[in-house]
Amino acid sequence: MMPDLLPTPVDPTADIVADALQPADFDELDTILDDLRTRFDETPQWEFCEGFLAALVCCRRVVSPTEYFSVLLDQEEDTETLLFADDVQFQRFFALWMRRWNEVASALMAEVESLDDARAYQPEVMDLRGAVAALDEAQRAEMADAPIPSFGQIWAIGFMYAVESWPEEWAPPRDKEAAAVLDAALECIVAVTEDDTDPPTVSVFEEDGVPTVSEQRLNDFADAIWAVYDLGQLWRHIGPRVETVHVGPKIGRNDPCACGSGKKYKKCCGA
């Protein structure tokens, strides 16, 4: 059964880097998601999960795994298996997920001045257009006119999917300055959900690779990462939402008692 656990608060002084996910760990996550996709073809890719996870890390409320996995995998909360082959597979996925969660949370709590800082949050994203460009002509022909997501696009869509799934947690705060910060940050992330239509001038992961990403897209992606920092700081500063308590009308001491005795309140239950 899905564990109803809450993430352990991250110690900002802890050496999270030592437990950071390695390429083999991300490959394992991809393998598990591929297997889930054989039972539910809308299971998202890891890049989508990466954006979804980042939004949860900086969300105003701490959402439990039971709640967010049912949303991410489009299942009901009372479904026990949630598409996983068995409990062993789920526990392995959950262990890797939480390691990445702590890694992202630690990065977002770090005081960094540059995204080149080793402690900075670096989303795990792919340059799919670059991957396609590296294929031979026959392989590219097989893909026909299939749409290829832009750099960072799936990550940003995953982030906004989490925002849209818990709209009450992302509602503008009453403070106008804080509301403006929220709006500006979300606009930066929404910008990356759009296609990169500018001329490609940069190869993201290979110095001498075929240019597949525009300079503007790289700038927009950097702005989106800083926006995640802004959102995390905003909600940590404001704190969780306080539920409004609605109090019914008070009974006067000389009013008839609500118990139906016929006596005045002060002579009955209010005595």
C-alpha atoms as a PDB file:
ATOM      1  CA  MET A   1       0.000   0.000   0.000  1.00  0.00           C
ATOM      2  CA  MET A   2       1.116   3.547  -0.648  1.00  0.00           C
ATOM      3  CA  PRO A   3       2.826   4.916   2.480  1.00  0.00           C
ATOM      4  CA  ASP A   4       1.145   8.019   3.881  1.00  0.00           C
ATOM      5  CA  LEU A   5       4.422   9.669   4.841  1.00  0.00           C
ATOM      6  CA  LEU A   6       5.584  13.251   4.837  1.00  0.00           C
ATOM      7  CA  PRO A   7       9.063  14.210   3.644  1.00  0.00           C
ATOM      8  CA  THR A   8      11.640  14.520   6.411  1.00  0.00           C
ATOM      9  CA  PRO A   9      12.702  18.171   6.777  1.00  0.00           C
ATOM     10  CA  VAL A  10      16.055  18.733   5.121  1.00  0.00           C
ATOM     11  CA  ASP A  11      18.961  19.784   7.293  1.00  0.00           C
ATOM     12  CA  PRO A  12      20.616  22.620   5.318  1.00  0.00           C
ATOM     13  CA  THR A  13      23.983  21.672   6.828  1.00  0.00           C
ATOM     14  CA  ALA A  14      23.756  18.021   5.760  1.00  0.00           C
ATOM     15  CA  ASP A  15      25.896  16.658   2.945  1.00  0.00           C
ATOM     16  CA  ILE A  16      23.084  15.817   0.553  1.00  0.00           C
ATOM     17  CA  VAL A  17      25.503  15.765  -2.393  1.00  0.00           C
ATOM     18  CA  ALA A  18      26.966  12.516  -1.098  1.00  0.00           C
ATOM     19  CA  ASP A  19      23.579  10.850  -1.639  1.00  0.00           C
ATOM     20  CA  ALA A  20      22.777  12.617  -4.920  1.00  0.00           C
ATOM     21  CA  LEU A  21      21.298  10.502  -7.694  1.00  0.00           C
ATOM     22  CA  GLN A  22      23.818   9.285 -10.244  1.00  0.00           C
ATOM     23  CA  PRO A  23      23.185   8.653 -13.975  1.00  0.00           C
ATOM     24  CA  ALA A  24      22.577   4.960 -13.217  1.00  0.00           C
ATOM     25  CA  ASP A  25      19.895   5.950 -10.686  1.00  0.00           C
ATOM     26  CA  PHE A  26      18.078   8.110 -13.243  1.00  0.00           C
ATOM     27  CA  ASP A  27      18.329   5.215 -15.719  1.00  0.00           C
ATOM     28  CA  GLU A  28      16.689   2.983 -13.113  1.00  0.00           C
ATOM     29  CA  LEU A  29      13.875   5.496 -12.640  1.00  0.00           C
ATOM     30  CA  ASP A  30      13.362   5.564 -16.411  1.00  0.00           C
ATOM     31  CA  THR A  31      13.235   1.762 -16.478  1.00  0.00           C
ATOM     32  CA  ILE A  32      10.566   1.659 -13.761  1.00  0.00           C
ATOM     33  CA  LEU A  33       8.502   4.323 -15.510  1.00  0.00           C
ATOM     34  CA  ASP A  34       8.818   2.412 -18.795  1.00  0.00           C
ATOM     35  CA  ASP A  35       7.463  -0.674 -17.028  1.00  0.00           C
ATOM     36  CA  LEU A  36       4.575   1.321 -15.533  1.00  0.00           C
ATOM     37  CA  ARG A  37       3.831   2.592 -19.033  1.00  0.00           C
ATOM     38  CA  THR A  38       3.074  -0.993 -20.152  1.00  0.00           C
ATOM     39  CA  ARG A  39       0.095  -0.909 -17.756  1.00  0.00           C
ATOM     40  CA  PHE A  40      -0.820   2.762 -18.118  1.00  0.00           C
ATOM     41  CA  ASP A  41       0.328   4.380 -21.341  1.00  0.00           C
ATOM     42  CA  GLU A  42      -0.008   7.913 -19.936  1.00  0.00           C
ATOM     43  CA  THR A  43       2.675   7.360 -17.298  1.00  0.00           C
ATOM     44  CA  PRO A  44       4.889  10.459 -17.578  1.00  0.00           C
ATOM     45  CA  GLN A  45       8.561  10.582 -18.454  1.00  0.00           C
ATOM     46  CA  TRP A  46      11.055  11.401 -15.699  1.00  0.00           C
ATOM     47  CA  GLU A  47      11.524  14.995 -16.914  1.00  0.00           C
ATOM     48  CA  PHE A  48       7.826  15.622 -16.242  1.00  0.00           C
ATOM     49  CA  CYS A  49       8.210  13.980 -12.811  1.00  0.00           C
ATOM     50  CA  GLU A  50      11.251  16.178 -12.143  1.00  0.00           C
ATOM     51  CA  GLY A  51       9.218  19.352 -12.677  1.00  0.00           C
ATOM     52  CA  PHE A  52       6.280  17.953 -10.690  1.00  0.00           C
ATOM     53  CA  LEU A  53       8.613  17.085  -7.800  1.00  0.00           C
ATOM     54  CA  ALA A  54      10.208  20.556  -7.809  1.00  0.00           C
ATOM     55  CA  ALA A  55       6.779  22.195  -7.522  1.00  0.00           C
ATOM     56  CA  LEU A  56       5.896  19.946  -4.586  1.00  0.00           C
ATOM     57  CA  VAL A  57       9.167  20.758  -2.832  1.00  0.00           C
ATOM     58  CA  CYS A  58       8.435  24.496  -2.916  1.00  0.00           C
ATOM     59  CA  CYS A  59       4.653  24.187  -2.485  1.00  0.00           C
ATOM     60  CA  ARG A  60       3.017  26.159   0.311  1.00  0.00           C
ATOM     61  CA  ARG A  61       1.693  22.969   1.935  1.00  0.00           C
ATOM     62  CA  VAL A  62       3.564  19.726   2.474  1.00  0.00           C
ATOM     63  CA  VAL A  63       1.608  17.240   0.347  1.00  0.00           C
ATOM     64  CA  SER A  64       1.800  13.568   1.317  1.00  0.00           C
ATOM     65  CA  PRO A  65       3.017  10.896  -1.152  1.00  0.00           C
ATOM     66  CA  THR A  66      -0.391   9.191  -0.995  1.00  0.00           C
ATOM     67  CA  GLU A  67      -1.970  12.359  -2.339  1.00  0.00           C
ATOM     68  CA  TYR A  68       0.577  13.393  -4.943  1.00  0.00           C
ATOM     69  CA  PHE A  69       1.366   9.973  -6.428  1.00  0.00           C
ATOM     70  CA  SER A  70      -2.342   9.453  -7.099  1.00  0.00           C
ATOM     71  CA  VAL A  71      -2.303  12.736  -9.052  1.00  0.00           C
ATOM     72  CA  LEU A  72       0.989  12.098 -10.846  1.00  0.00           C
ATOM     73  CA  LEU A  73      -0.032   8.594 -11.922  1.00  0.00           C
ATOM     74  CA  ASP A  74      -3.698   9.490 -12.457  1.00  0.00           C
ATOM     75  CA  GLN A  75      -4.983   6.958  -9.940  1.00  0.00           C
ATOM     76  CA  GLU A  76      -7.452   7.081  -7.075  1.00  0.00           C
ATOM     77  CA  GLU A  77      -5.964   7.550  -3.593  1.00  0.00           C
ATOM     78  CA  ASP A  78      -7.446   4.286  -2.333  1.00  0.00           C
ATOM     79  CA  THR A  79      -5.805   2.240  -5.111  1.00  0.00           C
ATOM     80  CA  GLU A  80      -3.239   0.056  -3.374  1.00  0.00           C
ATOM     81  CA  THR A  81      -0.916  -0.991  -6.189  1.00  0.00           C
ATOM     82  CA  LEU A  82      -0.800   2.237  -8.215  1.00  0.00           C
ATOM     83  CA  LEU A  83       0.428   0.415 -11.334  1.00  0.00           C
ATOM     84  CA  PHE A  84       3.649  -0.835  -9.754  1.00  0.00           C
ATOM     85  CA  ALA A  85       4.495  -4.471 -10.468  1.00  0.00           C
ATOM     86  CA  ASP A  86       4.915  -5.213  -6.761  1.00  0.00           C
ATOM     87  CA  ASP A  87       5.823  -3.622  -3.470  1.00  0.00           C
ATOM     88  CA  VAL A  88       9.539  -4.119  -4.113  1.00  0.00           C
ATOM     89  CA  GLN A  89       9.337  -2.045  -7.301  1.00  0.00           C
ATOM     90  CA  PHE A  90       7.389   0.706  -5.565  1.00  0.00           C
ATOM     91  CA  GLN A  91       9.738   0.823  -2.588  1.00  0.00           C
ATOM     92  CA  ARG A  92      12.727   1.156  -4.919  1.00  0.00           C
ATOM     93  CA  PHE A  93      11.023   3.933  -6.885  1.00  0.00           C
ATOM     94  CA  PHE A  94      10.042   5.683  -3.661  1.00  0.00           C
ATOM     95  CA  ALA A  95      13.586   5.447  -2.264  1.00  0.00           C
ATOM     96  CA  LEU A  96      15.057   7.028  -5.405  1.00  0.00           C
ATOM     97  CA  TRP A  97      12.272   9.629  -5.476  1.00  0.00           C
ATOM     98  CA  MET A  98      12.956  10.702  -1.889  1.00  0.00           C
ATOM     99  CA  ARG A  99      16.701  10.900  -2.491  1.00  0.00           C
ATOM    100  CA  ARG A 100      15.996  13.259  -5.386  1.00  0.00           C
ATOM    101  CA  TRP A 101      13.441  15.137  -3.250  1.00  0.00           C
ATOM    102  CA  ASN A 102      16.044  15.786  -0.537  1.00  0.00           C
ATOM    103  CA  GLU A 103      18.623  16.757  -3.145  1.00  0.00           C
ATOM    104  CA  VAL A 104      16.272  19.319  -4.719  1.00  0.00           C
ATOM    105  CA  ALA A 105      15.108  20.628  -1.326  1.00  0.00           C
ATOM    106  CA  SER A 106      18.712  21.085  -0.200  1.00  0.00           C
ATOM    107  CA  ALA A 107      19.590  22.936  -3.413  1.00  0.00           C
ATOM    108  CA  LEU A 108      16.610  25.266  -3.071  1.00  0.00           C
ATOM    109  CA  MET A 109      17.554  26.096   0.519  1.00  0.00           C
ATOM    110  CA  ALA A 110      21.179  26.829  -0.359  1.00  0.00           C
ATOM    111  CA  GLU A 111      22.236  30.452  -0.659  1.00  0.00           C
ATOM    112  CA  VAL A 112      23.654  30.511  -4.167  1.00  0.00           C
ATOM    113  CA  GLU A 113      24.471  33.492  -6.350  1.00  0.00           C
ATOM    114  CA  SER A 114      25.063  31.592  -9.575  1.00  0.00           C
ATOM    115  CA  LEU A 115      23.516  28.540 -11.202  1.00  0.00           C
ATOM    116  CA  ASP A 116      27.083  27.384 -11.851  1.00  0.00           C
ATOM    117  CA  ASP A 117      27.418  26.801  -8.102  1.00  0.00           C
ATOM    118  CA  ALA A 118      27.685  23.070  -7.405  1.00  0.00           C
ATOM    119  CA  ARG A 119      24.978  23.459  -4.748  1.00  0.00           C
ATOM    120  CA  ALA A 120      22.463  25.057  -7.132  1.00  0.00           C
ATOM    121  CA  TYR A 121      19.343  23.284  -8.370  1.00  0.00           C
ATOM    122  CA  GLN A 122      19.935  21.761 -11.780  1.00  0.00           C
ATOM    123  CA  PRO A 123      16.797  20.104 -13.187  1.00  0.00           C
ATOM    124  CA  GLU A 124      17.330  16.726 -14.797  1.00  0.00           C
ATOM    125  CA  VAL A 125      16.219  17.552 -18.343  1.00  0.00           C
ATOM    126  CA  MET A 126      17.015  16.276 -21.816  1.00  0.00           C
ATOM    127  CA  ASP A 127      17.802  18.037 -25.066  1.00  0.00           C
ATOM    128  CA  LEU A 128      15.484  15.880 -27.169  1.00  0.00           C
ATOM    129  CA  ARG A 129      16.062  17.948 -30.287  1.00  0.00           C
ATOM    130  CA  GLY A 130      19.782  17.391 -29.837  1.00  0.00           C
ATOM    131  CA  ALA A 131      19.209  13.651 -29.415  1.00  0.00           C
ATOM    132  CA  VAL A 132      17.203  13.521 -32.637  1.00  0.00           C
ATOM    133  CA  ALA A 133      19.839  15.545 -34.480  1.00  0.00           C
ATOM    134  CA  ALA A 134      22.413  12.916 -33.480  1.00  0.00           C
ATOM    135  CA  LEU A 135      20.418  10.139 -35.198  1.00  0.00           C
ATOM    136  CA  ASP A 136      21.259   8.987 -38.679  1.00  0.00           C
ATOM    137  CA  GLU A 137      19.047   9.984 -41.597  1.00  0.00           C
ATOM    138  CA  ALA A 138      17.087   6.721 -41.630  1.00  0.00           C
ATOM    139  CA  GLN A 139      16.266   6.969 -37.917  1.00  0.00           C
ATOM    140  CA  ARG A 140      15.142  10.563 -38.276  1.00  0.00           C
ATOM    141  CA  ALA A 141      12.951   9.568 -41.214  1.00  0.00           C
ATOM    142  CA  GLU A 142      11.208   6.972 -39.029  1.00  0.00           C
ATOM    143  CA  MET A 143      10.123   9.743 -36.685  1.00  0.00           C
ATOM    144  CA  ALA A 144       8.388  11.499 -39.590  1.00  0.00           C
ATOM    145  CA  ASP A 145       6.848  14.750 -38.393  1.00  0.00           C
ATOM    146  CA  ALA A 146       6.467  13.758 -34.728  1.00  0.00           C
ATOM    147  CA  PRO A 147       6.632  16.872 -32.519  1.00  0.00           C
ATOM    148  CA  ILE A 148       9.841  17.152 -30.505  1.00  0.00           C
ATOM    149  CA  PRO A 149       9.596  19.015 -27.194  1.00  0.00           C
ATOM    150  CA  SER A 150      11.826  22.036 -26.691  1.00  0.00           C
ATOM    151  CA  PHE A 151      14.585  22.138 -24.104  1.00  0.00           C
ATOM    152  CA  GLY A 152      13.099  22.228 -20.584  1.00  0.00           C
ATOM    153  CA  GLN A 153       9.530  22.193 -21.889  1.00  0.00           C
ATOM    154  CA  ILE A 154       8.443  18.893 -20.323  1.00  0.00           C
ATOM    155  CA  TRP A 155      10.000  19.888 -16.983  1.00  0.00           C
ATOM    156  CA  ALA A 156       8.053  23.170 -16.974  1.00  0.00           C
ATOM    157  CA  ILE A 157       4.811  21.395 -17.947  1.00  0.00           C
ATOM    158  CA  GLY A 158       5.301  18.952 -15.054  1.00  0.00           C
ATOM    159  CA  PHE A 159       5.863  21.855 -12.658  1.00  0.00           C
ATOM    160  CA  MET A 160       2.729  23.664 -13.777  1.00  0.00           C
ATOM    161  CA  TYR A 161       0.707  20.433 -13.647  1.00  0.00           C
ATOM    162  CA  ALA A 162       1.422  20.276  -9.909  1.00  0.00           C
ATOM    163  CA  VAL A 163       0.527  23.956  -9.514  1.00  0.00           C
ATOM    164  CA  GLU A 164      -2.777  23.419 -11.325  1.00  0.00           C
ATOM    165  CA  SER A 165      -3.520  20.273  -9.309  1.00  0.00           C
ATOM    166  CA  TRP A 166      -3.425  22.190  -5.997  1.00  0.00           C
ATOM    167  CA  PRO A 167      -4.649  25.675  -6.986  1.00  0.00           C
ATOM    168  CA  GLU A 168      -5.603  26.606  -3.426  1.00  0.00           C
ATOM    169  CA  GLU A 169      -1.957  26.254  -2.368  1.00  0.00           C
ATOM    170  CA  TRP A 170      -0.830  28.585  -5.158  1.00  0.00           C
ATOM    171  CA  ALA A 171      -3.507  31.245  -4.740  1.00  0.00           C
ATOM    172  CA  PRO A 172      -2.073  34.788  -4.567  1.00  0.00           C
ATOM    173  CA  PRO A 173      -1.357  35.946  -0.989  1.00  0.00           C
ATOM    174  CA  ARG A 174      -3.062  39.085   0.301  1.00  0.00           C
ATOM    175  CA  ASP A 175       0.182  41.039   0.401  1.00  0.00           C
ATOM    176  CA  LYS A 176       0.446  42.798  -2.976  1.00  0.00           C
ATOM    177  CA  GLU A 177       4.229  42.623  -3.135  1.00  0.00           C
ATOM    178  CA  ALA A 178       4.232  38.897  -2.371  1.00  0.00           C
ATOM    179  CA  ALA A 179       1.453  38.330  -4.925  1.00  0.00           C
ATOM    180  CA  ALA A 180       3.550  40.124  -7.547  1.00  0.00           C
ATOM    181  CA  VAL A 181       6.533  37.843  -6.767  1.00  0.00           C
ATOM    182  CA  LEU A 182       4.304  34.779  -7.150  1.00  0.00           C
ATOM    183  CA  ASP A 183       2.862  35.994 -10.452  1.00  0.00           C
ATOM    184  CA  ALA A 184       6.253  36.902 -11.915  1.00  0.00           C
ATOM    185  CA  ALA A 185       7.804  33.578 -10.892  1.00  0.00           C
ATOM    186  CA  LEU A 186       5.000  31.498 -12.369  1.00  0.00           C
ATOM    187  CA  GLU A 187       5.157  33.540 -15.585  1.00  0.00           C
ATOM    188  CA  CYS A 188       8.841  32.609 -15.925  1.00  0.00           C
ATOM    189  CA  ILE A 189       8.001  28.905 -15.667  1.00  0.00           C
ATOM    190  CA  VAL A 190       4.993  29.169 -17.986  1.00  0.00           C
ATOM    191  CA  ALA A 191       7.272  30.763 -20.599  1.00  0.00           C
ATOM    192  CA  VAL A 192       9.279  27.522 -20.732  1.00  0.00           C
ATOM    193  CA  THR A 193       6.106  25.465 -21.344  1.00  0.00           C
ATOM    194  CA  GLU A 194       5.965  27.130 -24.775  1.00  0.00           C
ATOM    195  CA  ASP A 195       7.878  25.985 -27.867  1.00  0.00           C
ATOM    196  CA  ASP A 196      11.328  27.380 -28.562  1.00  0.00           C
ATOM    197  CA  THR A 197      10.683  29.027 -31.932  1.00  0.00           C
ATOM    198  CA  ASP A 198      13.807  31.203 -32.104  1.00  0.00           C
ATOM    199  CA  PRO A 199      16.732  30.147 -34.322  1.00  0.00           C
ATOM    200  CA  PRO A 200      18.898  27.520 -32.569  1.00  0.00           C
ATOM    201  CA  THR A 201      22.379  28.794 -31.781  1.00  0.00           C
ATOM    202  CA  VAL A 202      23.543  26.588 -28.885  1.00  0.00           C
ATOM    203  CA  SER A 203      24.292  22.921 -28.290  1.00  0.00           C
ATOM    204  CA  VAL A 204      23.413  22.369 -24.641  1.00  0.00           C
ATOM    205  CA  PHE A 205      25.428  19.303 -23.696  1.00  0.00           C
ATOM    206  CA  GLU A 206      28.094  19.118 -26.409  1.00  0.00           C
ATOM    207  CA  GLU A 207      30.500  21.929 -27.200  1.00  0.00           C
ATOM    208  CA  ASP A 208      30.785  21.050 -30.878  1.00  0.00           C
ATOM    209  CA  GLY A 209      27.286  19.589 -31.248  1.00  0.00           C
ATOM    210  CA  VAL A 210      24.602  20.698 -33.664  1.00  0.00           C
ATOM    211  CA  PRO A 211      22.867  23.845 -32.329  1.00  0.00           C
ATOM    212  CA  THR A 212      19.361  22.877 -31.194  1.00  0.00           C
ATOM    213  CA  VAL A 213      18.501  25.497 -28.557  1.00  0.00           C
ATOM    214  CA  SER A 214      18.158  29.263 -28.890  1.00  0.00           C
ATOM    215  CA  GLU A 215      20.007  31.705 -26.658  1.00  0.00           C
ATOM    216  CA  GLN A 216      16.649  33.081 -25.546  1.00  0.00           C
ATOM    217  CA  ARG A 217      15.537  29.617 -24.457  1.00  0.00           C
ATOM    218  CA  LEU A 218      18.611  29.164 -22.280  1.00  0.00           C
ATOM    219  CA  ASN A 219      17.941  32.537 -20.672  1.00  0.00           C
ATOM    220  CA  ASP A 220      14.278  31.657 -20.125  1.00  0.00           C
ATOM    221  CA  PHE A 221      15.248  28.316 -18.594  1.00  0.00           C
ATOM    222  CA  ALA A 222      17.690  30.018 -16.198  1.00  0.00           C
ATOM    223  CA  ASP A 223      14.966  32.512 -15.241  1.00  0.00           C
ATOM    224  CA  ALA A 224      12.618  29.592 -14.544  1.00  0.00           C
ATOM    225  CA  ILE A 225      15.139  27.980 -12.183  1.00  0.00           C
ATOM    226  CA  TRP A 226      15.567  31.246 -10.284  1.00  0.00           C
ATOM    227  CA  ALA A 227      11.759  31.459 -10.197  1.00  0.00           C
ATOM    228  CA  VAL A 228      11.654  28.123  -8.358  1.00  0.00           C
ATOM    229  CA  TYR A 229      14.006  29.620  -5.768  1.00  0.00           C
ATOM    230  CA  ASP A 230      11.733  32.654  -5.449  1.00  0.00           C
ATOM    231  CA  LEU A 231       8.664  30.465  -4.957  1.00  0.00           C
ATOM    232  CA  GLY A 232      10.313  28.350  -2.275  1.00  0.00           C
ATOM    233  CA  GLN A 233      11.453  31.435  -0.366  1.00  0.00           C
ATOM    234  CA  LEU A 234       8.056  33.087  -0.753  1.00  0.00           C
ATOM    235  CA  TRP A 235       6.074  30.225   0.758  1.00  0.00           C
ATOM    236  CA  ARG A 236       8.623  29.593   3.512  1.00  0.00           C
ATOM    237  CA  HIS A 237       8.301  33.254   4.490  1.00  0.00           C
ATOM    238  CA  ILE A 238       4.489  33.328   4.383  1.00  0.00           C
ATOM    239  CA  GLY A 239       3.899  29.873   5.866  1.00  0.00           C
ATOM    240  CA  PRO A 240       1.007  27.427   5.361  1.00  0.00           C
ATOM    241  CA  ARG A 241      -2.502  28.660   4.743  1.00  0.00           C
ATOM    242  CA  VAL A 242      -4.620  29.152   7.862  1.00  0.00           C
ATOM    243  CA  GLU A 243      -8.082  27.710   7.475  1.00  0.00           C
ATOM    244  CA  THR A 244     -10.873  30.177   8.185  1.00  0.00           C
ATOM    245  CA  VAL A 245     -12.924  29.165  11.205  1.00  0.00           C
ATOM    246  CA  HIS A 246     -16.588  30.064  10.837  1.00  0.00           C
ATOM    247  CA  VAL A 247     -18.198  30.699  14.227  1.00  0.00           C
ATOM    248  CA  GLY A 248     -21.969  30.524  14.482  1.00  0.00           C
ATOM    249  CA  PRO A 249     -24.055  33.182  16.266  1.00  0.00           C
ATOM    250  CA  LYS A 250     -23.530  33.233  20.033  1.00  0.00           C
ATOM    251  CA  ILE A 251     -26.450  32.536  22.350  1.00  0.00           C
ATOM    252  CA  GLY A 252     -27.327  35.399  24.687  1.00  0.00           C
ATOM    253  CA  ARG A 253     -27.654  34.614  28.382  1.00  0.00           C
ATOM    254  CA  ASN A 254     -31.358  35.494  28.283  1.00  0.00           C
ATOM    255  CA  ASP A 255     -32.078  33.602  25.044  1.00  0.00           C
ATOM    256  CA  PRO A 256     -33.947  30.284  25.075  1.00  0.00           C
ATOM    257  CA  CYS A 257     -31.485  27.438  25.611  1.00  0.00           C
ATOM    258  CA  ALA A 258     -30.595  25.512  22.451  1.00  0.00           C
ATOM    259  CA  CYS A 259     -31.196  22.180  24.192  1.00  0.00           C
ATOM    260  CA  GLY A 260     -34.955  22.742  23.953  1.00  0.00           C
ATOM    261  CA  SER A 261     -35.668  22.766  27.682  1.00  0.00           C
ATOM    262  CA  GLY A 262     -37.669  25.985  27.415  1.00  0.00           C
ATOM    263  CA  LYS A 263     -35.501  27.645  30.044  1.00  0.00           C
ATOM    264  CA  LYS A 264     -33.275  30.640  29.518  1.00  0.00           C
ATOM    265  CA  TYR A 265     -29.715  29.771  28.545  1.00  0.00           C
ATOM    266  CA  LYS A 266     -28.323  31.283  31.789  1.00  0.00           C
ATOM    267  CA  LYS A 267     -30.646  29.037  33.848  1.00  0.00           C
ATOM    268  CA  CYS A 268     -29.890  25.898  31.843  1.00  0.00           C
ATOM    269  CA  CYS A 269     -26.755  24.847  29.888  1.00  0.00           C
ATOM    270  CA  GLY A 270     -25.142  28.237  30.505  1.00  0.00           C
ATOM    271  CA  ALA A 271     -25.438  27.957  34.274  1.00  0.00           C
END
